[in-house]
PDB file of N, CA and C in Angstrom:
ATOM      1  N   MET A   1       0.717  -1.232  -0.051  1.00  0.00           N
ATOM      2  CA  MET A   1      -0.065  -0.016  -0.339  1.00  0.00           C
ATOM      3  C   MET A   1       0.589   1.318  -0.250  1.00  0.00           C
ATOM      4  N   LYS A   2       0.611   2.016  -0.951  1.00  0.00           N
ATOM      5  CA  LYS A   2       0.669   3.532  -0.841  1.00  0.00           C
ATOM      6  C   LYS A   2       0.259   4.435   0.420  1.00  0.00           C
ATOM      7  N   TYR A   3       1.275   5.340   1.481  1.00  0.00           N
ATOM      8  CA  TYR A   3       0.670   6.242   1.618  1.00  0.00           C
ATOM      9  C   TYR A   3       2.321   6.811   1.749  1.00  0.00           C
ATOM     10  N   GLU A   4       1.305   8.669   1.953  1.00  0.00           N
ATOM     11  CA  GLU A   4       1.560  10.312   2.215  1.00  0.00           C
ATOM     12  C   GLU A   4       2.193  10.186   4.188  1.00  0.00           C
ATOM     13  N   ILE A   5       2.668  10.607   4.948  1.00  0.00           N
ATOM     14  CA  ILE A   5       2.941  10.971   6.049  1.00  0.00           C
ATOM     15  C   ILE A   5       3.243  12.380   5.625  1.00  0.00           C
ATOM     16  N   MET A   6       2.401  13.678   6.644  1.00  0.00           N
ATOM     17  CA  MET A   6       3.099  14.043   6.898  1.00  0.00           C
ATOM     18  C   MET A   6       3.472  14.929   8.424  1.00  0.00           C
ATOM     19  N   PHE A   7       4.138  15.554   8.781  1.00  0.00           N
ATOM     20  CA  PHE A   7       4.939  15.198   9.537  1.00  0.00           C
ATOM     21  C   PHE A   7       5.354  16.950  10.517  1.00  0.00           C
ATOM     22  N   ILE A   8       4.773  17.262  12.296  1.00  0.00           N
ATOM     23  CA  ILE A   8       5.598  18.767  12.350  1.00  0.00           C
ATOM     24  C   ILE A   8       6.378  18.492  13.323  1.00  0.00           C
ATOM     25  N   VAL A   9       7.553  18.731  13.307  1.00  0.00           N
ATOM     26  CA  VAL A   9       8.360  19.013  14.116  1.00  0.00           C
ATOM     27  C   VAL A   9       8.101  20.336  15.139  1.00  0.00           C
ATOM     28  N   ARG A  10       8.675  20.188  16.280  1.00  0.00           N
ATOM     29  CA  ARG A  10       8.491  21.716  17.172  1.00  0.00           C
ATOM     30  C   ARG A  10       9.748  22.409  16.552  1.00  0.00           C
ATOM     31  N   PRO A  11       9.623  23.550  16.510  1.00  0.00           N
ATOM     32  CA  PRO A  11      10.159  25.071  16.082  1.00  0.00           C
ATOM     33  C   PRO A  11      11.903  24.926  16.468  1.00  0.00           C
ATOM     34  N   ASP A  12      11.844  24.592  18.188  1.00  0.00           N
ATOM     35  CA  ASP A  12      12.623  24.916  18.945  1.00  0.00           C
ATOM     36  C   ASP A  12      13.650  24.491  19.914  1.00  0.00           C
ATOM     37  N   MET A  13      13.534  23.520  18.413  1.00  0.00           N
ATOM     38  CA  MET A  13      15.185  22.590  18.995  1.00  0.00           C
ATOM     39  C   MET A  13      16.669  22.486  17.320  1.00  0.00           C
ATOM     40  N   GLU A  14      17.243  22.526  17.961  1.00  0.00           N
ATOM     41  CA  GLU A  14      19.390  22.534  17.525  1.00  0.00           C
ATOM     42  C   GLU A  14      18.665  21.607  16.134  1.00  0.00           C
ATOM     43  N   GLU A  15      19.285  22.512  15.554  1.00  0.00           N
ATOM     44  CA  GLU A  15      19.276  21.600  14.374  1.00  0.00           C
ATOM     45  C   GLU A  15      20.076  19.357  14.467  1.00  0.00           C
ATOM     46  N   THR A  16      21.000  19.264  15.306  1.00  0.00           N
ATOM     47  CA  THR A  16      21.076  18.172  15.550  1.00  0.00           C
ATOM     48  C   THR A  16      19.879  17.755  15.737  1.00  0.00           C
ATOM     49  N   ASN A  17      19.681  17.693  16.841  1.00  0.00           N
ATOM     50  CA  ASN A  17      18.554  17.347  17.551  1.00  0.00           C
ATOM     51  C   ASN A  17      17.156  16.745  16.146  1.00  0.00           C
ATOM     52  N   LEU A  18      17.116  17.805  16.210  1.00  0.00           N
ATOM     53  CA  LEU A  18      15.723  17.364  14.864  1.00  0.00           C
ATOM     54  C   LEU A  18      16.637  16.682  14.066  1.00  0.00           C
ATOM     55  N   ASN A  19      17.280  16.458  13.173  1.00  0.00           N
ATOM     56  CA  ASN A  19      17.437  15.471  12.374  1.00  0.00           C
ATOM     57  C   ASN A  19      17.377  14.442  13.039  1.00  0.00           C
ATOM     58  N   GLU A  20      18.199  14.088  14.368  1.00  0.00           N
ATOM     59  CA  GLU A  20      17.866  12.854  14.146  1.00  0.00           C
ATOM     60  C   GLU A  20      16.528  12.335  14.814  1.00  0.00           C
ATOM     61  N   VAL A  21      15.749  13.383  15.444  1.00  0.00           N
ATOM     62  CA  VAL A  21      14.297  12.798  15.317  1.00  0.00           C
ATOM     63  C   VAL A  21      13.501  12.377  13.914  1.00  0.00           C
ATOM     64  N   VAL A  22      14.026  13.565  13.085  1.00  0.00           N
ATOM     65  CA  VAL A  22      13.529  12.685  11.123  1.00  0.00           C
ATOM     66  C   VAL A  22      14.097  11.856  11.342  1.00  0.00           C
ATOM     67  N   ALA A  23      15.812  11.061  11.134  1.00  0.00           N
ATOM     68  CA  ALA A  23      16.300   9.477  11.212  1.00  0.00           C
ATOM     69  C   ALA A  23      15.496   8.630  11.647  1.00  0.00           C
ATOM     70  N   SER A  24      14.966   8.650  12.753  1.00  0.00           N
ATOM     71  CA  SER A  24      15.271   7.603  13.412  1.00  0.00           C
ATOM     72  C   SER A  24      12.854   7.594  13.015  1.00  0.00           C
ATOM     73  N   PHE A  25      12.680   8.879  13.198  1.00  0.00           N
ATOM     74  CA  PHE A  25      10.721   8.381  12.065  1.00  0.00           C
ATOM     75  C   PHE A  25      11.356   7.062  11.295  1.00  0.00           C
ATOM     76  N   GLU A  26      12.042   7.169  10.345  1.00  0.00           N
ATOM     77  CA  GLU A  26      12.737   7.226   9.158  1.00  0.00           C
ATOM     78  C   GLU A  26      12.923   5.953   9.718  1.00  0.00           C
ATOM     79  N   ASP A  27      13.803   6.022  10.218  1.00  0.00           N
ATOM     80  CA  ASP A  27      14.035   4.873  10.620  1.00  0.00           C
ATOM     81  C   ASP A  27      12.935   3.493  11.283  1.00  0.00           C
ATOM     82  N   VAL A  28      11.838   3.597  11.903  1.00  0.00           N
ATOM     83  CA  VAL A  28      10.751   3.234  12.421  1.00  0.00           C
ATOM     84  C   VAL A  28      10.340   2.947  11.398  1.00  0.00           C
ATOM     85  N   LEU A  29      10.214   3.535  10.380  1.00  0.00           N
ATOM     86  CA  LEU A  29       9.431   2.726   8.195  1.00  0.00           C
ATOM     87  C   LEU A  29      10.533   1.461   8.218  1.00  0.00           C
ATOM     88  N   VAL A  30      11.506   2.336   7.947  1.00  0.00           N
ATOM     89  CA  VAL A  30      13.173   0.868   7.255  1.00  0.00           C
ATOM     90  C   VAL A  30      13.270  -0.104   8.139  1.00  0.00           C
ATOM     91  N   THR A  31      12.123  -0.222   9.298  1.00  0.00           N
ATOM     92  CA  THR A  31      12.615  -1.447  10.159  1.00  0.00           C
ATOM     93  C   THR A  31      11.572  -1.806   9.783  1.00  0.00           C
ATOM     94  N   ASN A  32      10.312  -1.437   9.521  1.00  0.00           N
ATOM     95  CA  ASN A  32       9.443  -2.440  10.029  1.00  0.00           C
ATOM     96  C   ASN A  32       9.096  -2.289   7.935  1.00  0.00           C
ATOM     97  N   GLY A  33       9.514  -2.776   7.157  1.00  0.00           N
ATOM     98  CA  GLY A  33       9.118  -3.024   6.036  1.00  0.00           C
ATOM     99  C   GLY A  33       8.966  -1.738   4.786  1.00  0.00           C
ATOM    100  N   ALA A  34       9.161  -1.136   5.308  1.00  0.00           N
ATOM    101  CA  ALA A  34       8.815   0.178   3.909  1.00  0.00           C
ATOM    102  C   ALA A  34       9.730   0.918   3.802  1.00  0.00           C
ATOM    103  N   LYS A  35       8.946   1.362   2.633  1.00  0.00           N
ATOM    104  CA  LYS A  35       9.524   1.638   1.621  1.00  0.00           C
ATOM    105  C   LYS A  35       9.769   3.174   0.844  1.00  0.00           C
ATOM    106  N   VAL A  36      10.627   4.461   1.953  1.00  0.00           N
ATOM    107  CA  VAL A  36      10.723   5.552   1.465  1.00  0.00           C
ATOM    108  C   VAL A  36      10.544   5.905   0.214  1.00  0.00           C
ATOM    109  N   LEU A  37       9.656   6.093  -0.829  1.00  0.00           N
ATOM    110  CA  LEU A  37       9.615   6.494  -2.686  1.00  0.00           C
ATOM    111  C   LEU A  37      10.186   7.845  -1.923  1.00  0.00           C
ATOM    112  N   ASN A  38       9.869   9.265  -1.621  1.00  0.00           N
ATOM    113  CA  ASN A  38      10.191  10.228  -1.567  1.00  0.00           C
ATOM    114  C   ASN A  38      10.137  11.298  -0.521  1.00  0.00           C
ATOM    115  N   SER A  39      11.012  12.211   0.413  1.00  0.00           N
ATOM    116  CA  SER A  39      11.084  12.161   1.194  1.00  0.00           C
ATOM    117  C   SER A  39      11.525  14.230   0.542  1.00  0.00           C
ATOM    118  N   LYS A  40      10.912  14.472   1.494  1.00  0.00           N
ATOM    119  CA  LYS A  40      10.503  15.718   1.037  1.00  0.00           C
ATOM    120  C   LYS A  40      10.294  16.818   2.653  1.00  0.00           C
ATOM    121  N   ASN A  41      11.796  17.608   3.230  1.00  0.00           N
ATOM    122  CA  ASN A  41      12.344  18.838   3.687  1.00  0.00           C
ATOM    123  C   ASN A  41      11.122  19.774   3.358  1.00  0.00           C
ATOM    124  N   MET A  42      10.719  20.960   3.212  1.00  0.00           N
ATOM    125  CA  MET A  42       9.474  21.785   3.186  1.00  0.00           C
ATOM    126  C   MET A  42       9.893  22.420   3.858  1.00  0.00           C
ATOM    127  N   GLY A  43      10.839  22.654   5.266  1.00  0.00           N
ATOM    128  CA  GLY A  43      11.683  23.444   6.146  1.00  0.00           C
ATOM    129  C   GLY A  43      10.641  24.524   7.545  1.00  0.00           C
ATOM    130  N   GLN A  44      10.378  25.603   8.155  1.00  0.00           N
ATOM    131  CA  GLN A  44      10.360  26.428   9.096  1.00  0.00           C
ATOM    132  C   GLN A  44       8.307  27.322   7.985  1.00  0.00           C
ATOM    133  N   ARG A  45       7.752  26.599   8.686  1.00  0.00           N
ATOM    134  CA  ARG A  45       6.482  27.234   8.440  1.00  0.00           C
ATOM    135  C   ARG A  45       5.326  27.969   9.115  1.00  0.00           C
ATOM    136  N   GLU A  46       5.129  28.540   9.605  1.00  0.00           N
ATOM    137  CA  GLU A  46       4.203  29.344  10.165  1.00  0.00           C
ATOM    138  C   GLU A  46       2.622  28.494  10.313  1.00  0.00           C
ATOM    139  N   LEU A  47       2.264  28.114  11.748  1.00  0.00           N
ATOM    140  CA  LEU A  47       1.036  26.933  11.591  1.00  0.00           C
ATOM    141  C   LEU A  47      -0.183  28.402  11.198  1.00  0.00           C
ATOM    142  N   ALA A  48      -1.357  27.534  10.866  1.00  0.00           N
ATOM    143  CA  ALA A  48      -2.470  27.410   9.944  1.00  0.00           C
ATOM    144  C   ALA A  48      -3.360  28.705  11.652  1.00  0.00           C
ATOM    145  N   TYR A  49      -3.268  27.558  12.956  1.00  0.00           N
ATOM    146  CA  TYR A  49      -3.116  27.814  13.934  1.00  0.00           C
ATOM    147  C   TYR A  49      -2.536  27.138  15.426  1.00  0.00           C
ATOM    148  N   GLU A  50      -2.178  27.831  16.349  1.00  0.00           N
ATOM    149  CA  GLU A  50      -1.645  27.774  17.394  1.00  0.00           C
ATOM    150  C   GLU A  50      -1.717  25.980  17.888  1.00  0.00           C
ATOM    151  N   ILE A  51      -0.694  25.562  17.299  1.00  0.00           N
ATOM    152  CA  ILE A  51      -0.354  24.059  18.080  1.00  0.00           C
ATOM    153  C   ILE A  51       0.212  23.667  19.380  1.00  0.00           C
ATOM    154  N   LYS A  52      -0.639  22.980  20.436  1.00  0.00           N
ATOM    155  CA  LYS A  52       1.021  23.444  21.823  1.00  0.00           C
ATOM    156  C   LYS A  52       1.451  23.757  21.827  1.00  0.00           C
ATOM    157  N   LYS A  53       1.114  24.750  21.874  1.00  0.00           N
ATOM    158  CA  LYS A  53       1.767  26.311  22.343  1.00  0.00           C
ATOM    159  C   LYS A  53       2.195  27.274  20.586  1.00  0.00           C
ATOM    160  N   TYR A  54       2.204  26.666  20.045  1.00  0.00           N
ATOM    161  CA  TYR A  54       3.578  26.715  18.535  1.00  0.00           C
ATOM    162  C   TYR A  54       3.200  26.906  17.680  1.00  0.00           C
ATOM    163  N   LYS A  55       3.364  28.394  17.688  1.00  0.00           N
ATOM    164  CA  LYS A  55       2.978  29.230  15.657  1.00  0.00           C
ATOM    165  C   LYS A  55       3.469  28.708  14.844  1.00  0.00           C
ATOM    166  N   ARG A  56       4.782  28.204  15.184  1.00  0.00           N
ATOM    167  CA  ARG A  56       5.568  27.810  13.510  1.00  0.00           C
ATOM    168  C   ARG A  56       6.013  26.145  13.722  1.00  0.00           C
ATOM    169  N   GLY A  57       6.632  24.917  12.674  1.00  0.00           N
ATOM    170  CA  GLY A  57       7.604  24.028  12.870  1.00  0.00           C
ATOM    171  C   GLY A  57       7.730  24.228  12.003  1.00  0.00           C
ATOM    172  N   PHE A  58       8.492  22.589  11.777  1.00  0.00           N
ATOM    173  CA  PHE A  58       9.337  21.916  10.440  1.00  0.00           C
ATOM    174  C   PHE A  58       8.588  21.031  10.127  1.00  0.00           C
ATOM    175  N   TYR A  59       8.146  21.513   8.634  1.00  0.00           N
ATOM    176  CA  TYR A  59       7.460  20.350   8.141  1.00  0.00           C
ATOM    177  C   TYR A  59       8.105  20.165   7.452  1.00  0.00           C
ATOM    178  N   TYR A  60       7.434  17.989   7.670  1.00  0.00           N
ATOM    179  CA  TYR A  60       8.234  16.919   6.781  1.00  0.00           C
ATOM    180  C   TYR A  60       7.337  16.169   6.338  1.00  0.00           C
ATOM    181  N   LEU A  61       7.968  15.842   4.555  1.00  0.00           N
ATOM    182  CA  LEU A  61       6.498  14.737   3.303  1.00  0.00           C
ATOM    183  C   LEU A  61       7.323  13.949   3.220  1.00  0.00           C
ATOM    184  N   TYR A  62       6.768  12.599   3.947  1.00  0.00           N
ATOM    185  CA  TYR A  62       7.278  11.090   3.131  1.00  0.00           C
ATOM    186  C   TYR A  62       6.173  10.511   2.124  1.00  0.00           C
ATOM    187  N   GLN A  63       6.646   9.827   1.202  1.00  0.00           N
ATOM    188  CA  GLN A  63       5.352   9.030   0.563  1.00  0.00           C
ATOM    189  C   GLN A  63       7.008   7.440   0.906  1.00  0.00           C
ATOM    190  N   ILE A  64       5.674   6.919   1.334  1.00  0.00           N
ATOM    191  CA  ILE A  64       6.207   5.419   1.260  1.00  0.00           C
ATOM    192  C   ILE A  64       5.207   3.751   0.494  1.00  0.00           C
ATOM    193  N   GLU A  65       6.287   3.440   0.561  1.00  0.00           N
ATOM    194  CA  GLU A  65       4.925   1.454   0.396  1.00  0.00           C
ATOM    195  C   GLU A  65       5.284   0.853   0.784  1.00  0.00           C
ATOM    196  N   ALA A  66       3.777   0.446   2.359  1.00  0.00           N
ATOM    197  CA  ALA A  66       4.599   0.065   3.479  1.00  0.00           C
ATOM    198  C   ALA A  66       3.109  -0.582   3.887  1.00  0.00           C
ATOM    199  N   PRO A  67       3.799  -1.527   4.778  1.00  0.00           N
ATOM    200  CA  PRO A  67       3.009  -2.631   5.700  1.00  0.00           C
ATOM    201  C   PRO A  67       1.434  -1.958   6.440  1.00  0.00           C
ATOM    202  N   VAL A  68       0.942  -2.484   7.328  1.00  0.00           N
ATOM    203  CA  VAL A  68       0.233  -2.002   7.211  1.00  0.00           C
ATOM    204  C   VAL A  68       0.334  -1.833   9.353  1.00  0.00           C
ATOM    205  N   THR A  69       1.568  -2.915   9.471  1.00  0.00           N
ATOM    206  CA  THR A  69       2.332  -2.937  10.458  1.00  0.00           C
ATOM    207  C   THR A  69       3.576  -1.857  10.670  1.00  0.00           C
ATOM    208  N   ALA A  70       4.211  -1.206  10.081  1.00  0.00           N
ATOM    209  CA  ALA A  70       4.449  -0.166   9.096  1.00  0.00           C
ATOM    210  C   ALA A  70       4.443   1.773   9.816  1.00  0.00           C
ATOM    211  N   ILE A  71       3.107   1.857   9.047  1.00  0.00           N
ATOM    212  CA  ILE A  71       2.323   2.583   9.406  1.00  0.00           C
ATOM    213  C   ILE A  71       1.174   3.010  11.158  1.00  0.00           C
ATOM    214  N   ASN A  72       1.442   1.803  11.349  1.00  0.00           N
ATOM    215  CA  ASN A  72       0.949   1.230  12.768  1.00  0.00           C
ATOM    216  C   ASN A  72       1.740   1.872  14.177  1.00  0.00           C
ATOM    217  N   GLU A  73       2.833   1.334  13.714  1.00  0.00           N
ATOM    218  CA  GLU A  73       4.147   1.866  14.997  1.00  0.00           C
ATOM    219  C   GLU A  73       4.606   3.485  14.138  1.00  0.00           C
ATOM    220  N   PHE A  74       4.319   3.342  12.893  1.00  0.00           N
ATOM    221  CA  PHE A  74       4.578   5.315  12.957  1.00  0.00           C
ATOM    222  C   PHE A  74       3.505   6.103  13.587  1.00  0.00           C
ATOM    223  N   ASP A  75       2.665   5.601  13.324  1.00  0.00           N
ATOM    224  CA  ASP A  75       1.412   6.183  13.983  1.00  0.00           C
ATOM    225  C   ASP A  75       1.899   6.286  16.056  1.00  0.00           C
ATOM    226  N   ARG A  76       1.997   5.454  17.046  1.00  0.00           N
ATOM    227  CA  ARG A  76       1.888   4.971  17.776  1.00  0.00           C
ATOM    228  C   ARG A  76       3.119   5.428  17.765  1.00  0.00           C
ATOM    229  N   LEU A  77       3.554   5.698  17.482  1.00  0.00           N
ATOM    230  CA  LEU A  77       5.840   6.579  18.342  1.00  0.00           C
ATOM    231  C   LEU A  77       5.205   8.330  17.639  1.00  0.00           C
ATOM    232  N   ALA A  78       4.681   8.393  17.218  1.00  0.00           N
ATOM    233  CA  ALA A  78       4.675  10.146  16.473  1.00  0.00           C
ATOM    234  C   ALA A  78       3.653  10.529  17.924  1.00  0.00           C
ATOM    235  N   LEU A  79       2.355   9.589  18.488  1.00  0.00           N
ATOM    236  CA  LEU A  79       1.262  10.622  18.755  1.00  0.00           C
ATOM    237  C   LEU A  79       2.331  10.252  20.856  1.00  0.00           C
ATOM    238  N   LEU A  80       3.673   9.197  20.686  1.00  0.00           N
ATOM    239  CA  LEU A  80       4.174   9.314  22.313  1.00  0.00           C
ATOM    240  C   LEU A  80       5.859  10.218  22.263  1.00  0.00           C
ATOM    241  N   ASN A  81       5.323  10.895  20.795  1.00  0.00           N
ATOM    242  CA  ASN A  81       6.463  11.726  21.038  1.00  0.00           C
ATOM    243  C   ASN A  81       6.514  13.469  21.010  1.00  0.00           C
ATOM    244  N   GLU A  82       7.128  14.007  22.208  1.00  0.00           N
ATOM    245  CA  GLU A  82       6.872  15.118  22.214  1.00  0.00           C
ATOM    246  C   GLU A  82       7.297  16.298  21.141  1.00  0.00           C
ATOM    247  N   ASP A  83       8.494  16.139  20.009  1.00  0.00           N
ATOM    248  CA  ASP A  83       9.296  16.226  19.495  1.00  0.00           C
ATOM    249  C   ASP A  83       8.193  16.735  18.438  1.00  0.00           C
ATOM    250  N   ILE A  84       7.298  15.514  18.121  1.00  0.00           N
ATOM    251  CA  ILE A  84       5.995  15.627  17.358  1.00  0.00           C
ATOM    252  C   ILE A  84       4.913  17.005  17.514  1.00  0.00           C
ATOM    253  N   ILE A  85       4.440  17.601  16.685  1.00  0.00           N
ATOM    254  CA  ILE A  85       3.677  18.219  16.471  1.00  0.00           C
ATOM    255  C   ILE A  85       2.483  17.592  16.797  1.00  0.00           C
ATOM    256  N   ARG A  86       2.624  16.941  15.211  1.00  0.00           N
ATOM    257  CA  ARG A  86       1.060  16.684  14.958  1.00  0.00           C
ATOM    258  C   ARG A  86       1.741  15.674  13.565  1.00  0.00           C
ATOM    259  N   HIS A  87       0.882  15.187  12.629  1.00  0.00           N
ATOM    260  CA  HIS A  87       1.337  14.154  11.734  1.00  0.00           C
ATOM    261  C   HIS A  87       0.097  13.968  11.536  1.00  0.00           C
ATOM    262  N   MET A  88       0.116  13.518   9.952  1.00  0.00           N
ATOM    263  CA  MET A  88      -1.062  13.462   9.471  1.00  0.00           C
ATOM    264  C   MET A  88      -0.370  11.732   8.619  1.00  0.00           C
ATOM    265  N   ILE A  89      -1.521  10.573   8.408  1.00  0.00           N
ATOM    266  CA  ILE A  89      -0.869   9.713   7.546  1.00  0.00           C
ATOM    267  C   ILE A  89      -2.134   9.389   6.278  1.00  0.00           C
ATOM    268  N   ILE A  90      -1.976   9.562   5.500  1.00  0.00           N
ATOM    269  CA  ILE A  90      -3.119   9.078   4.648  1.00  0.00           C
ATOM    270  C   ILE A  90      -2.988   8.531   3.996  1.00  0.00           C
ATOM    271  N   LYS A  91      -3.409   7.436   3.368  1.00  0.00           N
ATOM    272  CA  LYS A  91      -3.613   5.736   1.651  1.00  0.00           C
ATOM    273  C   LYS A  91      -3.595   6.683   1.269  1.00  0.00           C
ATOM    274  N   LEU A  92      -2.910   6.473   0.077  1.00  0.00           N
ATOM    275  CA  LEU A  92      -2.985   6.947  -1.772  1.00  0.00           C
ATOM    276  C   LEU A  92      -3.596   5.294  -2.546  1.00  0.00           C
ATOM    277  N   GLU A  93      -4.558   6.098  -3.202  1.00  0.00           N
ATOM    278  CA  GLU A  93      -5.338   4.646  -4.446  1.00  0.00           C
ATOM    279  C   GLU A  93      -3.421   4.381  -4.939  1.00  0.00           C
ATOM    280  N   ASP A  94      -4.075   3.145  -5.680  1.00  0.00           N
ATOM    281  CA  ASP A  94      -2.425   2.287  -6.293  1.00  0.00           C
ATOM    282  C   ASP A  94      -2.997   2.390  -7.520  1.00  0.00           C
TER     283      ASP A  94
END
């Protein structure tokens, strides 16, 4: 199945910590059988509305091909991680 994942990382992180968070979530996908088709760092942007007292965030977009287990694990960890202030997973048509 193909999916598109967008997540927003809190804006007050140092670059090295930011890169570690992004790499760890990409690793979660790959170790659970996902294949990253496309990844895009969209940079820091202003949020449409305040989320967890943040007005800005670092946006990342991934297009992946993955089993449901990889998606479920990403979703679970993103909900637990306080560095990710919002995430969205969309299933794409084959």
